[in-house]
C-alpha atoms as a PDB file:
ATOM      1  CA  MET A   1     119.971 121.971 154.560  1.00  0.00           C
ATOM      2  CA  ALA A   2     117.687 122.561 151.570  1.00  0.00           C
ATOM      3  CA  LYS A   3     115.029 119.969 150.816  1.00  0.00           C
ATOM      4  CA  LYS A   4     115.963 117.686 147.917  1.00  0.00           C
ATOM      5  CA  ASN A   5     113.789 116.149 145.236  1.00  0.00           C
ATOM      6  CA  TRP A   6     114.453 112.415 144.835  1.00  0.00           C
ATOM      7  CA  LEU A   7     113.191 110.624 141.722  1.00  0.00           C
ATOM      8  CA  ILE A   8     113.024 106.899 142.507  1.00  0.00           C
ATOM      9  CA  THR A   9     111.794 104.259 140.066  1.00  0.00           C
ATOM     10  CA  GLY A  10     110.002 101.129 141.266  1.00  0.00           C
ATOM     11  CA  ILE A  11     108.863 102.108 144.772  1.00  0.00           C
ATOM     12  CA  SER A  12     106.124  99.493 145.201  1.00  0.00           C
ATOM     13  CA  SER A  13     108.300  97.081 147.195  1.00  0.00           C
ATOM     14  CA  GLY A  14     111.787  96.115 148.338  1.00  0.00           C
ATOM     15  CA  ILE A  15     114.692  98.528 148.410  1.00  0.00           C
ATOM     16  CA  GLY A  16     112.798 101.042 146.260  1.00  0.00           C
ATOM     17  CA  LYS A  17     109.952 101.238 148.781  1.00  0.00           C
ATOM     18  CA  ALA A  18     112.373 101.393 151.696  1.00  0.00           C
ATOM     19  CA  MET A  19     114.280 104.180 149.952  1.00  0.00           C
ATOM     20  CA  ALA A  20     111.102 106.197 149.373  1.00  0.00           C
ATOM     21  CA  GLU A  21     110.013 105.811 152.994  1.00  0.00           C
ATOM     22  CA  ALA A  22     113.455 106.751 154.333  1.00  0.00           C
ATOM     23  CA  VAL A  23     113.696 109.833 152.115  1.00  0.00           C
ATOM     24  CA  LEU A  24     110.208 110.954 153.178  1.00  0.00           C
ATOM     25  CA  ALA A  25     111.128 110.415 156.840  1.00  0.00           C
ATOM     26  CA  LYS A  26     114.141 112.728 156.516  1.00  0.00           C
ATOM     27  CA  GLY A  27     111.935 115.473 155.083  1.00  0.00           C
ATOM     28  CA  ASP A  28     112.957 115.342 151.431  1.00  0.00           C
ATOM     29  CA  PHE A  29     110.460 115.109 148.569  1.00  0.00           C
ATOM     30  CA  VAL A  30     109.921 111.798 146.761  1.00  0.00           C
ATOM     31  CA  ILE A  31     108.850 111.502 143.151  1.00  0.00           C
ATOM     32  CA  GLY A  32     108.301 107.797 142.547  1.00  0.00           C
ATOM     33  CA  SER A  33     107.126 105.466 139.819  1.00  0.00           C
ATOM     34  CA  PHE A  34     104.707 102.564 140.047  1.00  0.00           C
ATOM     35  CA  ARG A  35     103.540 100.098 137.414  1.00  0.00           C
ATOM     36  CA  LYS A  36      99.889 100.256 138.528  1.00  0.00           C
ATOM     37  CA  LYS A  37      97.575 103.279 138.589  1.00  0.00           C
ATOM     38  CA  GLU A  38      95.917 102.318 141.876  1.00  0.00           C
ATOM     39  CA  GLN A  39      99.321 102.157 143.601  1.00  0.00           C
ATOM     40  CA  ALA A  40     100.216 105.654 142.447  1.00  0.00           C
ATOM     41  CA  GLU A  41      96.826 107.027 143.507  1.00  0.00           C
ATOM     42  CA  SER A  42      97.163 105.472 146.966  1.00  0.00           C
ATOM     43  CA  PHE A  43     100.642 106.947 147.394  1.00  0.00           C
ATOM     44  CA  ASN A  44      99.464 110.402 146.347  1.00  0.00           C
ATOM     45  CA  GLN A  45      96.615 110.301 148.849  1.00  0.00           C
ATOM     46  CA  GLN A  46      98.889 109.157 151.670  1.00  0.00           C
ATOM     47  CA  TYR A  47     101.780 111.530 151.008  1.00  0.00           C
ATOM     48  CA  LYS A  48     100.045 114.601 149.586  1.00  0.00           C
ATOM     49  CA  GLY A  49     102.435 117.545 149.754  1.00  0.00           C
ATOM     50  CA  LYS A  50     105.352 115.287 150.720  1.00  0.00           C
ATOM     51  CA  GLY A  51     105.665 113.170 147.594  1.00  0.00           C
ATOM     52  CA  TYR A  52     104.219 112.460 144.191  1.00  0.00           C
ATOM     53  CA  ALA A  53     103.832 109.195 142.301  1.00  0.00           C
ATOM     54  CA  PHE A  54     103.231 108.504 138.637  1.00  0.00           C
ATOM     55  CA  VAL A  55     102.633 105.410 136.532  1.00  0.00           C
ATOM     56  CA  LEU A  56     105.540 104.285 134.364  1.00  0.00           C
ATOM     57  CA  ASP A  57     106.783 101.232 132.530  1.00  0.00           C
ATOM     58  CA  ILE A  58     110.480 101.995 132.138  1.00  0.00           C
ATOM     59  CA  THR A  59     110.568 100.126 128.834  1.00  0.00           C
ATOM     60  CA  ASP A  60     108.244 102.811 127.395  1.00  0.00           C
ATOM     61  CA  GLY A  61     110.696 105.430 126.151  1.00  0.00           C
ATOM     62  CA  ALA A  62     108.075 107.869 124.854  1.00  0.00           C
ATOM     63  CA  GLY A  63     106.036 107.622 128.041  1.00  0.00           C
ATOM     64  CA  MET A  64     109.167 108.135 130.100  1.00  0.00           C
ATOM     65  CA  ALA A  65     110.100 111.339 128.264  1.00  0.00           C
ATOM     66  CA  THR A  66     106.611 112.728 128.865  1.00  0.00           C
ATOM     67  CA  CYS A  67     106.711 111.768 132.566  1.00  0.00           C
ATOM     68  CA  ILE A  68     110.098 113.398 133.140  1.00  0.00           C
ATOM     69  CA  GLN A  69     109.040 116.577 131.367  1.00  0.00           C
ATOM     70  CA  ASN A  70     105.879 116.730 133.473  1.00  0.00           C
ATOM     71  CA  VAL A  71     107.874 116.128 136.666  1.00  0.00           C
ATOM     72  CA  HIS A  72     110.355 118.859 135.746  1.00  0.00           C
ATOM     73  CA  ASN A  73     107.599 121.330 134.903  1.00  0.00           C
ATOM     74  CA  ARG A  74     105.802 120.617 138.159  1.00  0.00           C
ATOM     75  CA  PHE A  75     108.630 120.261 140.668  1.00  0.00           C
ATOM     76  CA  GLY A  76     111.660 121.873 139.065  1.00  0.00           C
ATOM     77  CA  ALA A  77     114.947 120.370 140.206  1.00  0.00           C
ATOM     78  CA  ILE A  78     115.690 116.672 140.242  1.00  0.00           C
ATOM     79  CA  ASP A  79     118.488 116.444 142.792  1.00  0.00           C
ATOM     80  CA  VAL A  80     118.822 112.655 143.036  1.00  0.00           C
ATOM     81  CA  LEU A  81     117.804 109.975 140.554  1.00  0.00           C
ATOM     82  CA  VAL A  82     117.579 106.425 141.913  1.00  0.00           C
ATOM     83  CA  ASN A  83     117.273 103.853 139.125  1.00  0.00           C
ATOM     84  CA  ASN A  84     115.802 100.966 141.073  1.00  0.00           C
ATOM     85  CA  ALA A  85     113.195  99.351 138.800  1.00  0.00           C
ATOM     86  CA  GLY A  86     114.144  95.934 137.436  1.00  0.00           C
ATOM     87  CA  TYR A  87     113.650  92.193 137.849  1.00  0.00           C
ATOM     88  CA  GLY A  88     115.547  88.904 137.962  1.00  0.00           C
ATOM     89  CA  LEU A  89     115.556  86.193 135.293  1.00  0.00           C
ATOM     90  CA  LEU A  90     116.458  82.590 136.137  1.00  0.00           C
ATOM     91  CA  GLY A  91     117.643  80.031 133.623  1.00  0.00           C
ATOM     92  CA  ALA A  92     120.698  78.566 131.937  1.00  0.00           C
ATOM     93  CA  ILE A  93     121.870  80.514 128.907  1.00  0.00           C
ATOM     94  CA  GLU A  94     120.716  77.795 126.504  1.00  0.00           C
ATOM     95  CA  GLU A  95     117.355  77.527 128.239  1.00  0.00           C
ATOM     96  CA  LEU A  96     116.539  81.214 127.801  1.00  0.00           C
ATOM     97  CA  SER A  97     114.845  82.324 124.610  1.00  0.00           C
ATOM     98  CA  ILE A  98     116.081  85.403 122.782  1.00  0.00           C
ATOM     99  CA  GLU A  99     112.725  87.031 123.610  1.00  0.00           C
ATOM    100  CA  GLU A 100     113.232  86.398 127.337  1.00  0.00           C
ATOM    101  CA  ALA A 101     116.781  87.718 127.122  1.00  0.00           C
ATOM    102  CA  ARG A 102     115.739  90.849 125.241  1.00  0.00           C
ATOM    103  CA  ALA A 103     112.992  91.579 127.771  1.00  0.00           C
ATOM    104  CA  GLN A 104     115.539  91.360 130.593  1.00  0.00           C
ATOM    105  CA  MET A 105     117.900  93.777 128.864  1.00  0.00           C
ATOM    106  CA  GLU A 106     115.067  96.142 127.895  1.00  0.00           C
ATOM    107  CA  THR A 107     114.129  96.633 131.544  1.00  0.00           C
ATOM    108  CA  ASN A 108     117.348  96.325 133.515  1.00  0.00           C
ATOM    109  CA  PHE A 109     119.683  97.946 130.992  1.00  0.00           C
ATOM    110  CA  PHE A 110     117.899  99.976 128.327  1.00  0.00           C
ATOM    111  CA  GLY A 111     115.162 101.203 130.680  1.00  0.00           C
ATOM    112  CA  THR A 112     117.753 102.425 133.161  1.00  0.00           C
ATOM    113  CA  LEU A 113     119.852 103.914 130.370  1.00  0.00           C
ATOM    114  CA  GLN A 114     116.845 105.789 128.963  1.00  0.00           C
ATOM    115  CA  MET A 115     115.827 107.113 132.384  1.00  0.00           C
ATOM    116  CA  THR A 116     119.378 108.287 133.027  1.00  0.00           C
ATOM    117  CA  LYS A 117     119.542 110.035 129.657  1.00  0.00           C
ATOM    118  CA  SER A 118     116.127 111.641 130.243  1.00  0.00           C
ATOM    119  CA  VAL A 119     117.211 113.225 133.525  1.00  0.00           C
ATOM    120  CA  LEU A 120     120.739 114.274 132.523  1.00  0.00           C
ATOM    121  CA  PRO A 121     119.748 117.450 130.613  1.00  0.00           C
ATOM    122  CA  ILE A 122     117.966 118.682 133.757  1.00  0.00           C
ATOM    123  CA  MET A 123     120.948 117.939 135.981  1.00  0.00           C
ATOM    124  CA  ARG A 124     123.400 119.499 133.531  1.00  0.00           C
ATOM    125  CA  LYS A 125     121.349 122.690 133.494  1.00  0.00           C
ATOM    126  CA  GLN A 126     121.284 122.651 137.312  1.00  0.00           C
ATOM    127  CA  LYS A 127     125.056 121.973 137.337  1.00  0.00           C
ATOM    128  CA  LYS A 128     124.483 119.505 140.152  1.00  0.00           C
ATOM    129  CA  GLY A 129     122.833 116.198 140.916  1.00  0.00           C
ATOM    130  CA  MET A 130     123.415 112.565 141.774  1.00  0.00           C
ATOM    131  CA  ILE A 131     122.521 109.360 139.963  1.00  0.00           C
ATOM    132  CA  ILE A 132     122.232 106.210 142.069  1.00  0.00           C
ATOM    133  CA  GLN A 133     122.133 102.998 140.063  1.00  0.00           C
ATOM    134  CA  ILE A 134     120.757 100.018 141.949  1.00  0.00           C
ATOM    135  CA  SER A 135     122.960  97.336 140.454  1.00  0.00           C
ATOM    136  CA  SER A 136     123.792  94.065 142.205  1.00  0.00           C
ATOM    137  CA  ALA A 137     126.688  91.976 143.438  1.00  0.00           C
ATOM    138  CA  SER A 138     125.576  89.899 140.438  1.00  0.00           C
ATOM    139  CA  GLY A 139     126.855  92.765 138.317  1.00  0.00           C
ATOM    140  CA  ILE A 140     130.359  91.933 139.548  1.00  0.00           C
ATOM    141  CA  ARG A 141     130.359  88.123 139.756  1.00  0.00           C
ATOM    142  CA  SER A 142     128.247  85.760 137.656  1.00  0.00           C
ATOM    143  CA  THR A 143     126.387  82.661 138.783  1.00  0.00           C
ATOM    144  CA  PRO A 144     125.341  79.683 136.620  1.00  0.00           C
ATOM    145  CA  GLY A 145     121.595  79.998 136.110  1.00  0.00           C
ATOM    146  CA  PHE A 146     121.578  83.795 136.395  1.00  0.00           C
ATOM    147  CA  GLY A 147     123.557  84.663 133.285  1.00  0.00           C
ATOM    148  CA  LEU A 148     121.166  87.098 131.598  1.00  0.00           C
ATOM    149  CA  TYR A 149     120.492  88.938 134.835  1.00  0.00           C
ATOM    150  CA  ASN A 150     124.266  89.068 135.305  1.00  0.00           C
ATOM    151  CA  ALA A 151     124.633  90.417 131.774  1.00  0.00           C
ATOM    152  CA  SER A 152     122.077  93.171 132.372  1.00  0.00           C
ATOM    153  CA  LYS A 153     123.848  94.317 135.527  1.00  0.00           C
ATOM    154  CA  PHE A 154     127.336  93.986 134.015  1.00  0.00           C
ATOM    155  CA  ALA A 155     126.120  96.293 131.234  1.00  0.00           C
ATOM    156  CA  LEU A 156     124.707  98.731 133.798  1.00  0.00           C
ATOM    157  CA  GLU A 157     128.031  98.724 135.631  1.00  0.00           C
ATOM    158  CA  GLY A 158     129.949  99.395 132.417  1.00  0.00           C
ATOM    159  CA  PHE A 159     128.019 102.418 131.209  1.00  0.00           C
ATOM    160  CA  SER A 160     127.676 103.865 134.720  1.00  0.00           C
ATOM    161  CA  GLU A 161     131.418 103.703 135.380  1.00  0.00           C
ATOM    162  CA  ALA A 162     132.079 105.604 132.141  1.00  0.00           C
ATOM    163  CA  LEU A 163     129.249 108.020 132.933  1.00  0.00           C
ATOM    164  CA  ALA A 164     130.804 108.832 136.315  1.00  0.00           C
ATOM    165  CA  GLY A 165     133.938 110.053 134.545  1.00  0.00           C
ATOM    166  CA  GLU A 166     131.945 112.072 132.024  1.00  0.00           C
ATOM    167  CA  LEU A 167     129.834 113.795 134.686  1.00  0.00           C
ATOM    168  CA  LYS A 168     132.442 114.502 137.373  1.00  0.00           C
ATOM    169  CA  PRO A 169     133.619 117.785 135.785  1.00  0.00           C
ATOM    170  CA  LEU A 170     129.960 118.873 135.523  1.00  0.00           C
ATOM    171  CA  GLY A 171     129.219 118.583 139.241  1.00  0.00           C
ATOM    172  CA  ILE A 172     127.100 115.455 138.890  1.00  0.00           C
ATOM    173  CA  SER A 173     128.039 112.245 140.708  1.00  0.00           C
ATOM    174  CA  VAL A 174     127.224 108.581 140.048  1.00  0.00           C
ATOM    175  CA  MET A 175     127.046 105.780 142.616  1.00  0.00           C
ATOM    176  CA  LEU A 176     126.555 102.094 141.858  1.00  0.00           C
ATOM    177  CA  VAL A 177     124.853 100.138 144.653  1.00  0.00           C
ATOM    178  CA  GLU A 178     125.590  96.397 144.648  1.00  0.00           C
ATOM    179  CA  PRO A 179     123.332  94.516 147.057  1.00  0.00           C
ATOM    180  CA  GLY A 180     123.475  90.830 147.780  1.00  0.00           C
ATOM    181  CA  PRO A 181     120.356  88.884 148.866  1.00  0.00           C
ATOM    182  CA  PHE A 182     117.826  91.146 150.598  1.00  0.00           C
ATOM    183  CA  ARG A 183     114.440  90.175 151.988  1.00  0.00           C
ATOM    184  CA  THR A 184     112.311  91.621 149.188  1.00  0.00           C
ATOM    185  CA  ALA A 185     109.995  90.323 146.473  1.00  0.00           C
ATOM    186  CA  PHE A 186     112.975  89.946 144.128  1.00  0.00           C
ATOM    187  CA  ALA A 187     113.185  86.172 144.635  1.00  0.00           C
ATOM    188  CA  GLY A 188     109.407  85.865 144.958  1.00  0.00           C
ATOM    189  CA  TYR A 189     106.602  87.049 142.695  1.00  0.00           C
ATOM    190  CA  SER A 190     108.818  89.424 140.690  1.00  0.00           C
ATOM    191  CA  LEU A 191     111.291  86.709 139.671  1.00  0.00           C
ATOM    192  CA  VAL A 192     110.894  85.364 136.127  1.00  0.00           C
ATOM    193  CA  GLN A 193     112.024  81.861 135.101  1.00  0.00           C
ATOM    194  CA  ALA A 194     112.924  80.494 131.691  1.00  0.00           C
ATOM    195  CA  LYS A 195     110.044  78.628 130.086  1.00  0.00           C
ATOM    196  CA  GLU A 196     112.354  75.881 128.827  1.00  0.00           C
ATOM    197  CA  ARG A 197     114.144  73.394 131.096  1.00  0.00           C
ATOM    198  CA  ILE A 198     117.077  71.275 129.897  1.00  0.00           C
ATOM    199  CA  ALA A 199     117.985  68.312 132.102  1.00  0.00           C
ATOM    200  CA  ASP A 200     121.734  68.670 131.507  1.00  0.00           C
ATOM    201  CA  TYR A 201     121.724  71.946 133.450  1.00  0.00           C
ATOM    202  CA  GLU A 202     119.964  70.660 136.566  1.00  0.00           C
ATOM    203  CA  SER A 203     123.204  70.431 138.549  1.00  0.00           C
ATOM    204  CA  THR A 204     124.125  74.055 137.765  1.00  0.00           C
ATOM    205  CA  ALA A 205     121.286  76.363 136.741  1.00  0.00           C
ATOM    206  CA  GLY A 206     118.736  73.998 138.274  1.00  0.00           C
ATOM    207  CA  ARG A 207     120.579  73.969 141.569  1.00  0.00           C
ATOM    208  CA  PHE A 208     120.712  77.764 141.630  1.00  0.00           C
ATOM    209  CA  ARG A 209     116.977  77.904 140.913  1.00  0.00           C
ATOM    210  CA  MET A 210     116.363  75.765 144.006  1.00  0.00           C
ATOM    211  CA  VAL A 211     118.660  77.943 146.112  1.00  0.00           C
ATOM    212  CA  MET A 212     116.711  81.051 145.099  1.00  0.00           C
ATOM    213  CA  MET A 213     113.395  79.407 145.950  1.00  0.00           C
ATOM    214  CA  GLU A 214     114.672  78.178 149.319  1.00  0.00           C
ATOM    215  CA  ARG A 215     116.189  81.593 150.126  1.00  0.00           C
ATOM    216  CA  ASN A 216     113.017  83.564 149.407  1.00  0.00           C
ATOM    217  CA  GLY A 217     111.731  85.220 152.560  1.00  0.00           C
ATOM    218  CA  ARG A 218     114.820  84.218 154.533  1.00  0.00           C
ATOM    219  CA  GLN A 219     117.453  86.469 152.979  1.00  0.00           C
ATOM    220  CA  ASP A 220     119.912  88.049 155.379  1.00  0.00           C
ATOM    221  CA  GLY A 221     119.601  91.596 154.052  1.00  0.00           C
ATOM    222  CA  ASP A 222     117.231  94.145 155.603  1.00  0.00           C
ATOM    223  CA  PRO A 223     115.868  96.636 152.987  1.00  0.00           C
ATOM    224  CA  VAL A 224     115.370  99.329 155.643  1.00  0.00           C
ATOM    225  CA  LYS A 225     119.038  99.131 156.619  1.00  0.00           C
ATOM    226  CA  ALA A 226     120.000  99.121 152.937  1.00  0.00           C
ATOM    227  CA  ALA A 227     118.066 102.349 152.391  1.00  0.00           C
ATOM    228  CA  ALA A 228     119.797 103.971 155.374  1.00  0.00           C
ATOM    229  CA  ALA A 229     123.219 102.904 154.079  1.00  0.00           C
ATOM    230  CA  ILE A 230     122.505 104.240 150.571  1.00  0.00           C
ATOM    231  CA  ILE A 231     121.319 107.610 151.888  1.00  0.00           C
ATOM    232  CA  ALA A 232     124.343 107.882 154.191  1.00  0.00           C
ATOM    233  CA  ALA A 233     126.702 107.163 151.286  1.00  0.00           C
ATOM    234  CA  ALA A 234     124.851 109.597 149.014  1.00  0.00           C
ATOM    235  CA  ASN A 235     125.254 112.352 151.602  1.00  0.00           C
ATOM    236  CA  ALA A 236     128.950 111.660 152.208  1.00  0.00           C
ATOM    237  CA  ALA A 237     131.460 114.386 151.351  1.00  0.00           C
ATOM    238  CA  ILE A 238     132.962 112.018 148.773  1.00  0.00           C
ATOM    239  CA  PRO A 239     130.403 109.326 147.846  1.00  0.00           C
ATOM    240  CA  PRO A 240     131.819 105.990 146.662  1.00  0.00           C
ATOM    241  CA  LEU A 241     131.563 104.944 143.043  1.00  0.00           C
ATOM    242  CA  ARG A 242     130.546 101.484 144.282  1.00  0.00           C
ATOM    243  CA  LEU A 243     128.668 100.619 147.464  1.00  0.00           C
ATOM    244  CA  VAL A 244     128.553  96.870 148.167  1.00  0.00           C
ATOM    245  CA  LEU A 245     125.730  95.921 150.541  1.00  0.00           C
ATOM    246  CA  GLY A 246     125.542  92.789 152.647  1.00  0.00           C
ATOM    247  CA  LYS A 247     127.884  90.110 153.943  1.00  0.00           C
ATOM    248  CA  SER A 248     127.173  87.751 151.044  1.00  0.00           C
ATOM    249  CA  ALA A 249     127.800  90.513 148.519  1.00  0.00           C
ATOM    250  CA  MET A 250     131.124  91.386 150.163  1.00  0.00           C
ATOM    251  CA  GLU A 251     132.179  87.731 150.031  1.00  0.00           C
ATOM    252  CA  ASN A 252     131.239  87.384 146.357  1.00  0.00           C
ATOM    253  CA  VAL A 253     132.906  90.609 145.262  1.00  0.00           C
ATOM    254  CA  ASN A 254     136.068  89.758 147.186  1.00  0.00           C
ATOM    255  CA  ALA A 255     136.062  86.282 145.591  1.00  0.00           C
ATOM    256  CA  LYS A 256     135.803  87.868 142.133  1.00  0.00           C
ATOM    257  CA  ILE A 257     138.727  90.188 142.880  1.00  0.00           C
ATOM    258  CA  ALA A 258     140.787  87.223 144.099  1.00  0.00           C
ATOM    259  CA  ASP A 259     139.942  85.242 140.941  1.00  0.00           C
ATOM    260  CA  LEU A 260     141.004  88.137 138.721  1.00  0.00           C
ATOM    261  CA  GLN A 261     144.243  88.648 140.609  1.00  0.00           C
ATOM    262  CA  ARG A 262     145.055  84.920 140.455  1.00  0.00           C
ATOM    263  CA  ASP A 263     144.507  84.704 136.690  1.00  0.00           C
ATOM    264  CA  MET A 264     146.498  87.865 136.050  1.00  0.00           C
ATOM    265  CA  ARG A 265     149.357  86.695 138.248  1.00  0.00           C
ATOM    266  CA  GLU A 266     149.497  83.182 136.771  1.00  0.00           C
ATOM    267  CA  TRP A 267     149.337  84.382 133.153  1.00  0.00           C
ATOM    268  CA  GLU A 268     151.297  87.617 133.411  1.00  0.00           C
ATOM    269  CA  SER A 269     154.330  86.109 131.644  1.00  0.00           C
ATOM    270  CA  VAL A 270     152.131  85.351 128.636  1.00  0.00           C
ATOM    271  CA  SER A 271     150.122  88.582 128.751  1.00  0.00           C
ATOM    272  CA  VAL A 272     153.170  90.840 128.521  1.00  0.00           C
ATOM    273  CA  THR A 273     154.580  89.074 125.417  1.00  0.00           C
ATOM    274  CA  THR A 274     151.809  90.255 123.078  1.00  0.00           C
ATOM    275  CA  SER A 275     153.125  93.755 122.280  1.00  0.00           C
ATOM    276  CA  PHE A 276     155.123  94.536 119.136  1.00  0.00           C
ATOM    277  CA  ASP A 277     158.880  94.218 119.646  1.00  0.00           C
END
């Protein structure tokens, strides 16, 4: 089997790091992004000839275009794009400032959208490729106190589902990965919290904030096993559009499906009366 080039954003920690290490272990080539120059330099020294790292803030559209062009010129094909970079934002909707909300969307949604759009011309010319979007179970079911993170992942889910239909005839596939809680830095130093606190939301958003703090470092999910599952699904004859990872994620997604089915069933008699006679 020919060696593949994997472009993975955000490989400094968590699932992104585990993905990079797993891809390198199987003999494929990793092209990865870091936020810090020293991290990229260390990676390039350690994996010379096996991988290449560059510095990128995925909210920098101009810098991204330059990086992708340089990567293409240097390595040619981009066989798999893994959009992993992102962060969580805690806070009730009213607590979050518009600036905090925009920053969340700029990274988790617009940054991923821009990276996807930057790589698509290369994949279309190749007439092959795969885009793996690291979404979240929180992109399927919302939680009080996580609303803007939910919104960013719901938006990612929406455009990626449409994109999958647009790209299928072109030989390019899309897979959404929806992890639950994994033992990464997501709930630690990379998690951002709303600056404002409103006492009325302590029993909802405040409670969820405490759960996230208590869960940090004790999450059930193993990033190494997540990476193995993602690679196995990516290499399947027919990869899934959605790959839910973890027991908690399965429970939450199934609960969302049950809620939808209940509402549709209970209100079907009203829903069907809204067409013209």
